[in-house]
Amino acid sequence: MTALTLSTSSAATLRADAIVIGVAKGPKGPVVAPGAEAVDKAFDGKLAAVLETLGATGGEGETTKLPAPSGLKAPVVLAVGLGDTPAKDEDFDAEALRRAAGSAARALTGSKKAGFALPVADAESAAAVAEGALLGAYTYVAAGAGGKAAAKKDADRATPLAEVALLGAKPRDKAVKAVAERASVLAEEMNRARDLINMPPNDLTPKTFTAAAQAAAKEHGLKVEVLDEKALLKGGFGGILGVGQGSANPPRLVRIGYTHPKAEKTLAFVGKGITYDSGGISLKPAGHNETMKCDMAGAAAVFGAVVAAARLGLRVNVTGWLALAENMPSGTATRPGDVLRMYGGKTVEVLNTDAEGRLVLADAIVRASEENPDAIVDVATLTGAMVIALGNRTFGVLGNDDAFRTSLYEIAEEVGEQAWPMPIPNELRKSMDSPVADFANIGERMGSALLAGLFLREFVGEGITWAHLDIAGPAFHESAPYGYTPKGGTGSAVRTLLRLAERTADGDLG
């Protein structure tokens, strides 16, 4: 993990491999952003002109390296684009700073130390720079069954930026210290989630995911309860068992809990943890299997958020429910047409075994409801239909309470996660009617992402506020990295869940 330090040095005097400065798009060319005054002075006030000569425009994510003049201790200056210059008397947007810092950290892969002299007008902007740099520096290092070939590939890969020195903030300011600590915890837990998502499915099974949760719980003083296949059978968890019964790797339901002695509210986070999704008997077509190791990204987000809440000592109780299974076709797999008796007694006719995420979530939601939390939020890479609706970077927010749904959407936007509130049309319910069960696991095709939310709502305890985050689009990034977003697992929804926990701790559940 990249280290974060708050430096009292100036950009001119810091000894580092590089100094990162910001450049924005102005009406007449690139404009050097606040924070880079000492660097501009070393260039005799001509830094903007030099950057323009080199082709820099200040466009978002653009990076330009140039040798430092004699007035700086660092040998390299890295200018990173911030996008448009803000209006008069306004500061740079937090997400613009976050993405710029991430782009810079990626560009400095292999370096030992870099000073970030980006605009930090207050604690909020300092937090954005710190988060972006730490998340942008992420590199996945393979481990486990990949063996010698994977180990060699990782040895050949350049190491991430080792240290981020944040310049321009006030190191002794309590607010700055607090946001720096939070940024480090957040980045470590998001990167933990990213590691899990990126792990090969022969390394990450329900059993090994459970072991990871147990290890983190031991380290951070959390309570873990594990239901293995025998306990799931005894308890009547038909959804999780039905999904996992086709695999040689048996399913698990893991409860990881954080409690605060002065907490007044309790949140339950439920994560879909399909460690590999073949579609089961309703096998996915060719071209749709290659990234299905990421189908546990919801559980990874829940895991990361609960651990982060614990490490930050938030005054709220948070329980995470990891519904873990591997969905495989075999002679023991659930067949289309089978009826499962879910935890709590409701029956579901399985018409499509590739609509399995809602089955494991349903069991976990019923179990979470038994503890009567103030709110339940489930997180899942649930439907391709949500990707069609919102694209690859935006997750959908559904729920049984409009105010809570709106609050989650606003929280996501606040922390830099793209989201959009979606409805749950009641008229879709009839299409899930079944002649042999309480309802089926699929219904009409149009609006199927909304119908999935309707299915999950059936299992929420009476009177409990609930929301569903469908992160199928942003959970796994297949294109080139951008900003602080790497290729592969992203850690989507960790930030939203953590901010919800922080707000709840402060007495604002939404």
Protein backbone atom coordinates (compact mmCIF):
# COMPACT_ATOMS: atom_id res chain seq x y z
CA MET A 1 0.00 0.00 0.00
CA THR A 2 1.29 3.46 -0.93
CA ALA A 3 2.17 5.58 2.12
CA LEU A 4 0.65 9.02 2.67
CA THR A 5 2.52 11.79 4.47
CA LEU A 6 1.64 15.40 5.22
CA SER A 7 4.72 17.46 4.38
CA THR A 8 5.73 20.87 5.69
CA SER A 9 8.19 21.29 2.81
CA SER A 10 7.49 23.48 -0.18
CA ALA A 11 7.41 22.15 -3.72
CA ALA A 12 10.83 23.74 -4.23
CA THR A 13 12.57 22.17 -1.22
CA LEU A 14 11.01 18.69 -1.07
CA ARG A 15 13.43 15.90 -1.94
CA ALA A 16 11.43 13.51 -4.09
CA ASP A 17 11.47 11.77 -7.46
CA ALA A 18 8.87 14.18 -8.81
CA ILE A 19 6.67 17.15 -7.98
CA VAL A 20 3.07 16.99 -9.21
CA ILE A 21 1.40 20.26 -10.13
CA GLY A 22 -1.99 21.04 -11.62
CA VAL A 23 -2.74 22.77 -14.88
CA ALA A 24 -6.18 23.87 -16.04
CA LYS A 25 -7.75 24.82 -19.34
CA GLY A 26 -7.92 28.58 -19.61
CA PRO A 27 -9.54 30.74 -22.34
CA LYS A 28 -6.13 31.41 -23.90
CA GLY A 29 -4.28 28.21 -23.09
CA PRO A 30 -3.11 26.22 -20.08
CA VAL A 31 -3.17 27.92 -16.68
CA VAL A 32 -0.98 26.83 -13.78
CA ALA A 33 -3.21 25.92 -10.82
CA PRO A 34 -2.77 27.12 -7.23
CA GLY A 35 -0.23 25.11 -5.29
CA ALA A 36 2.40 25.32 -8.01
CA GLU A 37 3.63 28.87 -7.28
CA ALA A 38 7.11 27.75 -6.18
CA VAL A 39 7.47 25.57 -9.26
CA ASP A 40 6.32 28.36 -11.56
CA LYS A 41 8.83 30.70 -9.91
CA ALA A 42 11.62 28.20 -10.63
CA PHE A 43 10.58 28.41 -14.30
CA ASP A 44 10.83 32.23 -14.10
CA GLY A 45 7.04 32.48 -14.31
CA LYS A 46 6.99 30.78 -17.70
CA LEU A 47 5.73 27.33 -16.72
CA ALA A 48 2.40 27.73 -18.52
CA ALA A 49 4.18 28.76 -21.71
CA VAL A 50 6.58 25.81 -21.48
CA LEU A 51 3.69 23.40 -20.98
CA GLU A 52 1.81 24.85 -23.94
CA THR A 53 4.93 24.44 -26.09
CA LEU A 54 4.98 20.77 -25.08
CA GLY A 55 1.36 20.37 -26.15
CA ALA A 56 -0.31 20.47 -22.76
CA THR A 57 -3.84 21.89 -22.68
CA GLY A 58 -4.94 21.30 -19.09
CA GLY A 59 -7.50 18.75 -20.22
CA GLU A 60 -8.74 16.32 -17.58
CA GLY A 61 -6.31 13.47 -16.94
CA GLU A 62 -3.63 14.77 -19.30
CA THR A 63 -0.09 14.31 -17.95
CA THR A 64 3.10 16.06 -19.06
CA LYS A 65 6.56 15.33 -17.67
CA LEU A 66 9.37 17.85 -17.90
CA PRO A 67 12.81 18.17 -16.31
CA ALA A 68 12.90 20.41 -13.27
CA PRO A 69 15.01 23.58 -13.30
CA SER A 70 17.83 24.13 -10.82
CA GLY A 71 15.53 25.82 -8.30
CA LEU A 72 13.84 22.54 -7.36
CA LYS A 73 15.21 19.61 -5.35
CA ALA A 74 13.14 17.11 -7.31
CA PRO A 75 14.47 16.21 -10.79
CA VAL A 76 11.06 15.94 -12.50
CA VAL A 77 7.89 18.02 -12.67
CA LEU A 78 4.68 16.24 -13.63
CA ALA A 79 1.86 18.50 -14.75
CA VAL A 80 -1.58 16.90 -14.63
CA GLY A 81 -4.72 18.31 -16.25
CA LEU A 82 -7.60 19.44 -14.05
CA GLY A 83 -10.04 20.36 -16.78
CA ASP A 84 -11.72 23.74 -17.08
CA THR A 85 -10.63 26.59 -14.83
CA PRO A 86 -13.31 27.12 -12.17
CA ALA A 87 -15.37 30.29 -12.09
CA LYS A 88 -14.13 33.25 -10.10
CA ASP A 89 -14.21 32.68 -6.31
CA GLU A 90 -14.79 28.95 -6.79
CA ASP A 91 -12.41 26.08 -6.06
CA PHE A 92 -11.66 23.05 -8.18
CA ASP A 93 -14.27 20.31 -7.92
CA ALA A 94 -13.29 17.50 -5.53
CA GLU A 95 -13.76 14.82 -8.16
CA ALA A 96 -11.56 16.73 -10.62
CA LEU A 97 -8.80 16.79 -7.97
CA ARG A 98 -9.37 13.12 -7.16
CA ARG A 99 -9.05 12.05 -10.79
CA ALA A 100 -6.05 14.31 -11.46
CA ALA A 101 -4.19 12.93 -8.45
CA GLY A 102 -5.01 9.41 -9.60
CA SER A 103 -3.71 10.06 -13.11
CA ALA A 104 -0.51 11.49 -11.66
CA ALA A 105 0.03 8.52 -9.35
CA ARG A 106 -0.40 6.11 -12.27
CA ALA A 107 2.06 8.12 -14.36
CA LEU A 108 4.62 7.83 -11.54
CA THR A 109 4.48 4.05 -11.23
CA GLY A 110 7.94 2.82 -10.20
CA SER A 111 8.82 6.01 -8.30
CA LYS A 112 9.68 6.02 -4.60
CA LYS A 113 8.28 9.41 -3.59
CA ALA A 114 6.30 12.23 -5.17
CA GLY A 115 5.21 15.57 -3.79
CA PHE A 116 1.64 16.51 -4.75
CA ALA A 117 1.37 20.29 -5.03
CA LEU A 118 -2.21 20.35 -6.31
CA PRO A 119 -4.80 22.94 -5.14
CA VAL A 120 -5.71 22.18 -1.51
CA ALA A 121 -7.83 25.11 -0.42
CA ASP A 122 -9.33 23.22 2.54
CA ALA A 123 -9.58 19.82 4.22
CA GLU A 124 -12.10 18.60 1.64
CA SER A 125 -9.76 19.25 -1.28
CA ALA A 126 -6.84 17.74 0.66
CA ALA A 127 -8.95 14.61 1.16
CA ALA A 128 -9.74 14.44 -2.56
CA VAL A 129 -6.07 14.67 -3.56
CA ALA A 130 -5.05 12.09 -0.97
CA GLU A 131 -7.80 9.64 -1.98
CA GLY A 132 -7.13 10.03 -5.68
CA ALA A 133 -3.38 9.52 -5.33
CA LEU A 134 -3.68 6.46 -3.09
CA LEU A 135 -6.34 4.85 -5.28
CA GLY A 136 -4.53 5.73 -8.50
CA ALA A 137 -1.32 4.11 -7.26
CA TYR A 138 -3.03 0.72 -6.95
CA THR A 139 -1.53 -2.30 -8.70
CA TYR A 140 -2.86 -5.84 -8.36
CA VAL A 141 -0.27 -8.40 -7.32
CA ALA A 142 -1.36 -11.98 -8.04
CA ALA A 143 -0.98 -14.69 -5.44
CA GLY A 144 -1.99 -18.31 -4.94
CA ALA A 145 -2.63 -20.89 -7.62
CA GLY A 146 -1.15 -18.75 -10.40
CA GLY A 147 2.18 -20.25 -9.37
CA LYS A 148 5.62 -19.34 -10.70
CA ALA A 149 4.35 -17.79 -13.93
CA ALA A 150 2.16 -15.31 -12.01
CA ALA A 151 4.96 -14.59 -9.54
CA LYS A 152 7.38 -13.84 -12.39
CA LYS A 153 4.86 -11.57 -14.10
CA ASP A 154 4.40 -9.60 -10.90
CA ALA A 155 8.16 -9.36 -10.38
CA ASP A 156 8.51 -7.93 -13.87
CA ARG A 157 5.71 -5.43 -13.33
CA ALA A 158 6.70 -1.94 -12.16
CA THR A 159 5.90 -1.27 -8.51
CA PRO A 160 3.35 1.37 -7.57
CA LEU A 161 4.36 4.80 -6.32
CA ALA A 162 5.67 4.13 -2.80
CA GLU A 163 4.96 7.45 -1.05
CA VAL A 164 2.63 10.37 -1.62
CA ALA A 165 3.71 13.57 0.14
CA LEU A 166 0.79 15.97 0.29
CA LEU A 167 1.98 19.58 0.00
CA GLY A 168 0.13 22.80 0.70
CA ALA A 169 -2.17 21.45 3.43
CA LYS A 170 -1.62 22.25 7.09
CA PRO A 171 -0.09 19.12 8.64
CA ARG A 172 -0.90 20.20 12.21
CA ASP A 173 -4.52 21.06 11.43
CA LYS A 174 -6.83 18.52 13.11
CA ALA A 175 -9.21 18.48 10.15
CA VAL A 176 -6.39 17.80 7.69
CA LYS A 177 -4.98 15.04 9.90
CA ALA A 178 -8.42 13.46 10.12
CA VAL A 179 -9.05 13.46 6.38
CA ALA A 180 -5.56 12.07 5.73
CA GLU A 181 -6.20 9.20 8.14
CA ARG A 182 -9.59 8.57 6.57
CA ALA A 183 -8.13 8.64 3.05
CA SER A 184 -5.55 6.02 3.99
CA VAL A 185 -8.15 3.72 5.55
CA LEU A 186 -10.57 4.18 2.67
CA ALA A 187 -7.91 3.48 0.06
CA GLU A 188 -6.64 0.40 1.88
CA GLU A 189 -10.14 -1.06 2.13
CA MET A 190 -11.09 -0.18 -1.44
CA ASN A 191 -7.86 -1.77 -2.59
CA ARG A 192 -8.63 -4.82 -0.46
CA ALA A 193 -11.93 -5.09 -2.34
CA ARG A 194 -10.12 -4.61 -5.66
CA ASP A 195 -7.69 -7.41 -4.80
CA LEU A 196 -10.52 -9.82 -4.06
CA ILE A 197 -12.32 -8.95 -7.30
CA ASN A 198 -9.14 -9.39 -9.33
CA MET A 199 -8.22 -12.74 -7.81
CA PRO A 200 -8.49 -15.72 -10.17
CA PRO A 201 -11.60 -17.78 -9.37
CA ASN A 202 -9.49 -20.85 -8.66
CA ASP A 203 -7.90 -18.84 -5.84
CA LEU A 204 -11.02 -17.09 -4.53
CA THR A 205 -13.72 -19.58 -3.58
CA PRO A 206 -16.41 -19.17 -0.92
CA LYS A 207 -14.04 -20.87 1.52
CA THR A 208 -11.04 -18.62 0.81
CA PHE A 209 -13.22 -15.48 0.79
CA THR A 210 -14.46 -16.55 4.21
CA ALA A 211 -10.88 -16.98 5.39
CA ALA A 212 -10.05 -13.45 4.23
CA ALA A 213 -13.01 -12.09 6.22
CA GLN A 214 -11.93 -14.04 9.30
CA ALA A 215 -8.36 -12.74 9.06
CA ALA A 216 -9.48 -9.12 8.74
CA ALA A 217 -11.93 -9.53 11.60
CA LYS A 218 -9.21 -10.87 13.86
CA GLU A 219 -6.92 -7.99 12.94
CA HIS A 220 -9.50 -5.25 13.53
CA GLY A 221 -11.57 -6.68 16.38
CA LEU A 222 -14.71 -7.59 14.44
CA LYS A 223 -17.06 -10.47 15.15
CA VAL A 224 -17.47 -13.14 12.47
CA GLU A 225 -20.07 -15.87 12.18
CA VAL A 226 -19.85 -18.42 9.38
CA LEU A 227 -22.60 -20.72 8.16
CA ASP A 228 -21.06 -23.53 6.11
CA GLU A 229 -23.06 -25.90 3.88
CA LYS A 230 -24.18 -28.03 6.83
CA ALA A 231 -25.38 -25.03 8.83
CA LEU A 232 -27.08 -23.57 5.75
CA LEU A 233 -28.95 -26.84 5.22
CA LYS A 234 -29.98 -27.02 8.85
CA GLY A 235 -31.14 -23.40 8.79
CA GLY A 236 -33.13 -23.72 5.57
CA PHE A 237 -31.16 -21.33 3.40
CA GLY A 238 -32.53 -22.73 0.13
CA GLY A 239 -31.45 -19.83 -2.06
CA ILE A 240 -27.74 -19.93 -1.23
CA LEU A 241 -27.70 -23.73 -1.24
CA GLY A 242 -29.61 -23.92 -4.51
CA VAL A 243 -27.12 -21.67 -6.27
CA GLY A 244 -24.07 -23.37 -4.80
CA GLN A 245 -25.10 -27.02 -5.05
CA GLY A 246 -23.67 -27.50 -8.55
CA SER A 247 -20.13 -26.62 -7.47
CA ALA A 248 -17.37 -28.64 -5.83
CA ASN A 249 -16.74 -25.50 -3.72
CA PRO A 250 -19.62 -25.32 -1.21
CA PRO A 251 -21.34 -22.03 -0.32
CA ARG A 252 -21.07 -19.89 2.80
CA LEU A 253 -23.02 -17.14 4.51
CA VAL A 254 -20.69 -14.90 6.49
CA ARG A 255 -21.76 -12.28 9.01
CA ILE A 256 -19.06 -9.76 9.88
CA GLY A 257 -20.09 -7.27 12.52
CA TYR A 258 -18.80 -4.02 14.00
CA THR A 259 -20.41 -2.55 17.11
CA HIS A 260 -19.79 0.75 18.88
CA PRO A 261 -20.70 1.01 22.57
CA LYS A 262 -22.40 4.38 22.06
CA ALA A 263 -24.11 3.63 18.73
CA GLU A 264 -27.78 4.52 18.38
CA LYS A 265 -28.35 3.13 14.89
CA THR A 266 -27.58 -0.11 13.07
CA LEU A 267 -26.96 -0.62 9.37
CA ALA A 268 -26.93 -3.96 7.58
CA PHE A 269 -24.99 -4.27 4.32
CA VAL A 270 -25.69 -7.36 2.20
CA GLY A 271 -23.32 -8.34 -0.62
CA LYS A 272 -23.73 -10.72 -3.52
CA GLY A 273 -20.67 -12.96 -3.46
CA ILE A 274 -20.78 -15.26 -6.49
CA THR A 275 -17.08 -16.08 -6.69
CA TYR A 276 -17.59 -17.38 -10.22
CA ASP A 277 -20.76 -17.28 -12.30
CA SER A 278 -21.00 -19.68 -15.22
CA GLY A 279 -24.76 -19.16 -15.37
CA GLY A 280 -25.31 -22.69 -14.09
CA ILE A 281 -27.49 -24.92 -16.26
CA SER A 282 -28.65 -21.72 -18.03
CA LEU A 283 -25.05 -21.45 -19.22
CA LYS A 284 -23.75 -18.08 -20.31
CA PRO A 285 -22.90 -17.82 -24.03
CA ALA A 286 -19.31 -17.60 -25.26
CA GLY A 287 -17.77 -14.21 -24.59
CA HIS A 288 -19.70 -13.64 -21.36
CA ASN A 289 -17.70 -15.85 -18.98
CA GLU A 290 -14.27 -14.26 -19.01
CA THR A 291 -14.93 -11.59 -16.36
CA MET A 292 -17.34 -13.54 -14.19
CA LYS A 293 -14.80 -13.74 -11.37
CA CYS A 294 -16.05 -10.22 -10.58
CA ASP A 295 -19.55 -11.40 -9.66
CA MET A 296 -18.59 -11.18 -5.98
CA ALA A 297 -17.86 -7.44 -6.18
CA GLY A 298 -20.91 -6.61 -4.05
CA ALA A 299 -19.65 -8.79 -1.21
CA ALA A 300 -16.17 -7.27 -1.60
CA ALA A 301 -17.65 -3.77 -1.28
CA VAL A 302 -19.62 -4.73 1.82
CA PHE A 303 -16.55 -6.35 3.36
CA GLY A 304 -14.38 -3.29 2.70
CA ALA A 305 -16.97 -0.84 4.01
CA VAL A 306 -17.53 -2.70 7.29
CA VAL A 307 -13.81 -2.97 7.99
CA ALA A 308 -13.33 0.73 7.13
CA ALA A 309 -16.15 1.73 9.50
CA ALA A 310 -14.51 -0.29 12.27
CA ARG A 311 -11.04 1.13 11.66
CA LEU A 312 -12.43 4.67 11.77
CA GLY A 313 -14.33 3.94 14.99
CA LEU A 314 -17.65 5.27 13.67
CA ARG A 315 -20.44 5.64 16.21
CA VAL A 316 -22.76 3.23 14.44
CA ASN A 317 -23.29 -0.53 14.39
CA VAL A 318 -22.61 -2.09 10.99
CA THR A 319 -23.14 -5.70 9.99
CA GLY A 320 -21.96 -7.10 6.69
CA TRP A 321 -23.58 -10.19 5.18
CA LEU A 322 -21.49 -11.96 2.55
CA ALA A 323 -23.64 -14.38 0.54
CA LEU A 324 -20.95 -16.57 -1.02
CA ALA A 325 -21.44 -19.27 -3.65
CA GLU A 326 -20.03 -20.54 -6.94
CA ASN A 327 -22.62 -20.99 -9.70
CA MET A 328 -21.62 -24.01 -11.79
CA PRO A 329 -23.34 -26.55 -14.07
CA SER A 330 -23.11 -30.18 -13.01
CA GLY A 331 -25.21 -33.22 -12.24
CA THR A 332 -26.10 -31.73 -8.87
CA ALA A 333 -26.86 -28.20 -10.09
CA THR A 334 -30.26 -26.55 -9.73
CA ARG A 335 -32.31 -27.01 -12.93
CA PRO A 336 -34.66 -24.52 -14.60
CA GLY A 337 -38.05 -25.47 -13.22
CA ASP A 338 -36.82 -26.45 -9.76
CA VAL A 339 -38.51 -24.86 -6.75
CA LEU A 340 -36.40 -23.61 -3.86
CA ARG A 341 -37.66 -22.96 -0.36
CA MET A 342 -35.90 -19.79 0.73
CA TYR A 343 -34.81 -18.87 4.23
CA GLY A 344 -37.97 -17.68 5.94
CA GLY A 345 -40.25 -20.06 4.04
CA LYS A 346 -41.11 -18.39 0.73
CA THR A 347 -40.80 -20.57 -2.37
CA VAL A 348 -39.25 -19.56 -5.68
CA GLU A 349 -39.48 -21.32 -9.03
CA VAL A 350 -36.09 -21.02 -10.72
CA LEU A 351 -36.77 -20.41 -14.39
CA ASN A 352 -33.26 -19.15 -15.11
CA THR A 353 -30.25 -20.34 -13.10
CA ASP A 354 -28.29 -17.33 -14.33
CA ALA A 355 -30.60 -15.11 -12.25
CA GLU A 356 -28.83 -16.48 -9.21
CA GLY A 357 -27.62 -13.36 -7.44
CA ARG A 358 -31.09 -12.45 -6.27
CA LEU A 359 -31.46 -15.93 -4.76
CA VAL A 360 -28.41 -15.68 -2.50
CA LEU A 361 -29.24 -12.07 -1.63
CA ALA A 362 -32.81 -13.00 -0.71
CA ASP A 363 -31.68 -15.47 1.94
CA ALA A 364 -29.19 -12.99 3.35
CA ILE A 365 -31.73 -10.13 3.38
CA VAL A 366 -34.23 -12.22 5.35
CA ARG A 367 -31.52 -13.19 7.83
CA ALA A 368 -30.33 -9.57 8.14
CA SER A 369 -33.94 -8.44 8.68
CA GLU A 370 -34.23 -10.70 11.73
CA GLU A 371 -31.85 -8.37 13.58
CA ASN A 372 -34.17 -5.43 12.84
CA PRO A 373 -31.56 -2.92 11.61
CA ASP A 374 -32.53 0.67 10.92
CA ALA A 375 -31.72 0.16 7.23
CA ILE A 376 -30.54 -2.56 4.87
CA VAL A 377 -28.49 -1.84 1.75
CA ASP A 378 -27.67 -4.67 -0.61
CA VAL A 379 -24.92 -4.38 -3.21
CA ALA A 380 -24.66 -6.61 -6.27
CA THR A 381 -23.42 -7.01 -9.81
CA LEU A 382 -26.98 -8.09 -10.44
CA THR A 383 -28.18 -7.44 -13.99
CA GLY A 384 -26.82 -6.80 -17.45
CA ALA A 385 -29.98 -4.77 -17.97
CA MET A 386 -28.69 -2.13 -15.58
CA VAL A 387 -25.54 -1.81 -17.69
CA ILE A 388 -27.68 -1.35 -20.79
CA ALA A 389 -29.68 1.33 -18.98
CA LEU A 390 -26.87 3.29 -17.30
CA GLY A 391 -23.62 2.26 -19.00
CA ASN A 392 -20.36 1.01 -17.55
CA ARG A 393 -19.64 3.76 -15.02
CA THR A 394 -22.96 4.35 -13.25
CA PHE A 395 -24.77 2.15 -10.76
CA GLY A 396 -28.51 2.10 -10.16
CA VAL A 397 -30.13 2.86 -6.81
CA LEU A 398 -33.50 1.30 -6.00
CA GLY A 399 -35.39 1.06 -2.73
CA ASN A 400 -38.62 0.92 -0.77
CA ASP A 401 -38.27 4.48 0.55
CA ASP A 402 -37.93 7.38 -1.87
CA ALA A 403 -36.16 9.65 0.61
CA PHE A 404 -33.58 6.99 1.47
CA ARG A 405 -33.03 6.17 -2.20
CA THR A 406 -32.47 9.86 -2.95
CA SER A 407 -30.12 10.19 0.00
CA LEU A 408 -27.98 7.28 -1.24
CA TYR A 409 -27.85 8.78 -4.72
CA GLU A 410 -26.73 12.11 -3.28
CA ILE A 411 -24.12 10.39 -1.09
CA ALA A 412 -22.72 8.56 -4.11
CA GLU A 413 -22.42 11.79 -6.05
CA GLU A 414 -20.79 13.50 -3.07
CA VAL A 415 -18.03 10.90 -2.76
CA GLY A 416 -17.38 10.69 -6.50
CA GLU A 417 -19.33 7.56 -7.47
CA GLN A 418 -21.65 7.90 -10.42
CA ALA A 419 -25.16 6.69 -9.59
CA TRP A 420 -28.76 7.18 -10.63
CA PRO A 421 -32.07 6.59 -8.77
CA MET A 422 -34.34 4.02 -10.42
CA PRO A 423 -38.01 3.09 -9.79
CA ILE A 424 -39.56 -0.23 -8.80
CA PRO A 425 -42.79 -0.42 -10.85
CA ASN A 426 -45.33 -2.56 -9.02
CA GLU A 427 -46.98 -3.67 -12.26
CA LEU A 428 -43.95 -5.85 -13.00
CA ARG A 429 -44.79 -8.10 -10.05
CA LYS A 430 -47.47 -10.07 -11.91
CA SER A 431 -44.95 -11.28 -14.48
CA MET A 432 -43.18 -13.20 -11.71
CA ASP A 433 -46.30 -15.24 -10.86
CA SER A 434 -45.67 -18.98 -10.74
CA PRO A 435 -48.18 -21.88 -10.74
CA VAL A 436 -45.94 -23.97 -8.45
CA ALA A 437 -44.33 -21.43 -6.10
CA ASP A 438 -44.91 -18.08 -4.45
CA PHE A 439 -43.18 -16.50 -7.44
CA ALA A 440 -40.48 -17.10 -10.05
CA ASN A 441 -36.96 -15.70 -10.08
CA ILE A 442 -37.53 -13.91 -13.40
CA GLY A 443 -40.41 -12.16 -15.12
CA GLU A 444 -40.90 -10.10 -18.23
CA ARG A 445 -37.73 -9.11 -20.06
CA MET A 446 -38.33 -5.37 -20.40
CA GLY A 447 -37.37 -3.56 -17.22
CA SER A 448 -35.66 -6.66 -15.85
CA ALA A 449 -33.21 -4.67 -13.74
CA LEU A 450 -36.19 -3.05 -12.00
CA LEU A 451 -37.92 -6.40 -11.67
CA ALA A 452 -34.84 -7.76 -9.89
CA GLY A 453 -35.27 -5.00 -7.32
CA LEU A 454 -38.94 -5.92 -6.99
CA PHE A 455 -37.93 -9.54 -6.33
CA LEU A 456 -35.52 -8.52 -3.57
CA ARG A 457 -38.09 -6.23 -1.97
CA GLU A 458 -40.25 -9.31 -1.32
CA PHE A 459 -37.69 -10.48 1.24
CA VAL A 460 -37.13 -7.28 3.22
CA GLY A 461 -38.51 -7.40 6.75
CA GLU A 462 -41.68 -5.44 7.42
CA GLY A 463 -41.06 -1.80 8.29
CA ILE A 464 -37.34 -1.89 7.46
CA THR A 465 -35.90 0.78 5.17
CA TRP A 466 -34.06 -0.88 2.28
CA ALA A 467 -32.07 0.07 -0.81
CA HIS A 468 -30.46 -1.94 -3.60
CA LEU A 469 -27.31 -0.87 -5.47
CA ASP A 470 -26.86 -2.62 -8.81
CA ILE A 471 -23.16 -2.10 -9.55
CA ALA A 472 -22.99 -4.39 -12.60
CA GLY A 473 -21.55 -1.59 -14.75
CA PRO A 474 -18.82 0.07 -12.66
CA ALA A 475 -17.67 -2.92 -10.56
CA PHE A 476 -15.19 -4.19 -13.16
CA HIS A 477 -13.44 -1.87 -15.62
CA GLU A 478 -12.34 -3.62 -18.81
CA SER A 479 -10.89 -0.65 -20.71
CA ALA A 480 -7.75 1.42 -20.15
CA PRO A 481 -7.31 2.99 -16.69
CA TYR A 482 -8.44 6.56 -16.16
CA GLY A 483 -8.08 8.90 -13.21
CA TYR A 484 -7.88 6.76 -10.09
CA THR A 485 -9.82 3.89 -11.71
CA PRO A 486 -7.64 0.89 -12.65
CA LYS A 487 -8.30 -1.81 -15.15
CA GLY A 488 -10.11 -4.68 -13.41
CA GLY A 489 -11.83 -4.48 -10.03
CA THR A 490 -12.72 -0.94 -8.97
CA GLY A 491 -14.08 -1.21 -5.43
CA SER A 492 -17.35 0.39 -6.54
CA ALA A 493 -19.81 1.26 -3.72
CA VAL A 494 -17.28 1.12 -0.85
CA ARG A 495 -17.21 4.92 -0.67
CA THR A 496 -21.00 5.21 -0.76
CA LEU A 497 -21.50 2.64 2.00
CA LEU A 498 -18.82 4.22 4.19
CA ARG A 499 -20.25 7.73 3.82
CA LEU A 500 -23.71 6.36 4.65
CA ALA A 501 -22.24 4.86 7.82
CA GLU A 502 -20.58 8.19 8.66
CA ARG A 503 -23.79 10.10 8.15
CA THR A 504 -25.71 7.61 10.26
CA ALA A 505 -23.11 7.93 13.01
CA ASP A 506 -23.66 11.69 12.90
CA GLY A 507 -27.43 11.23 13.29
CA ASP A 508 -28.43 11.66 9.64
CA LEU A 509 -29.68 8.33 8.30
CA GLY A 510 -31.38 9.99 5.32
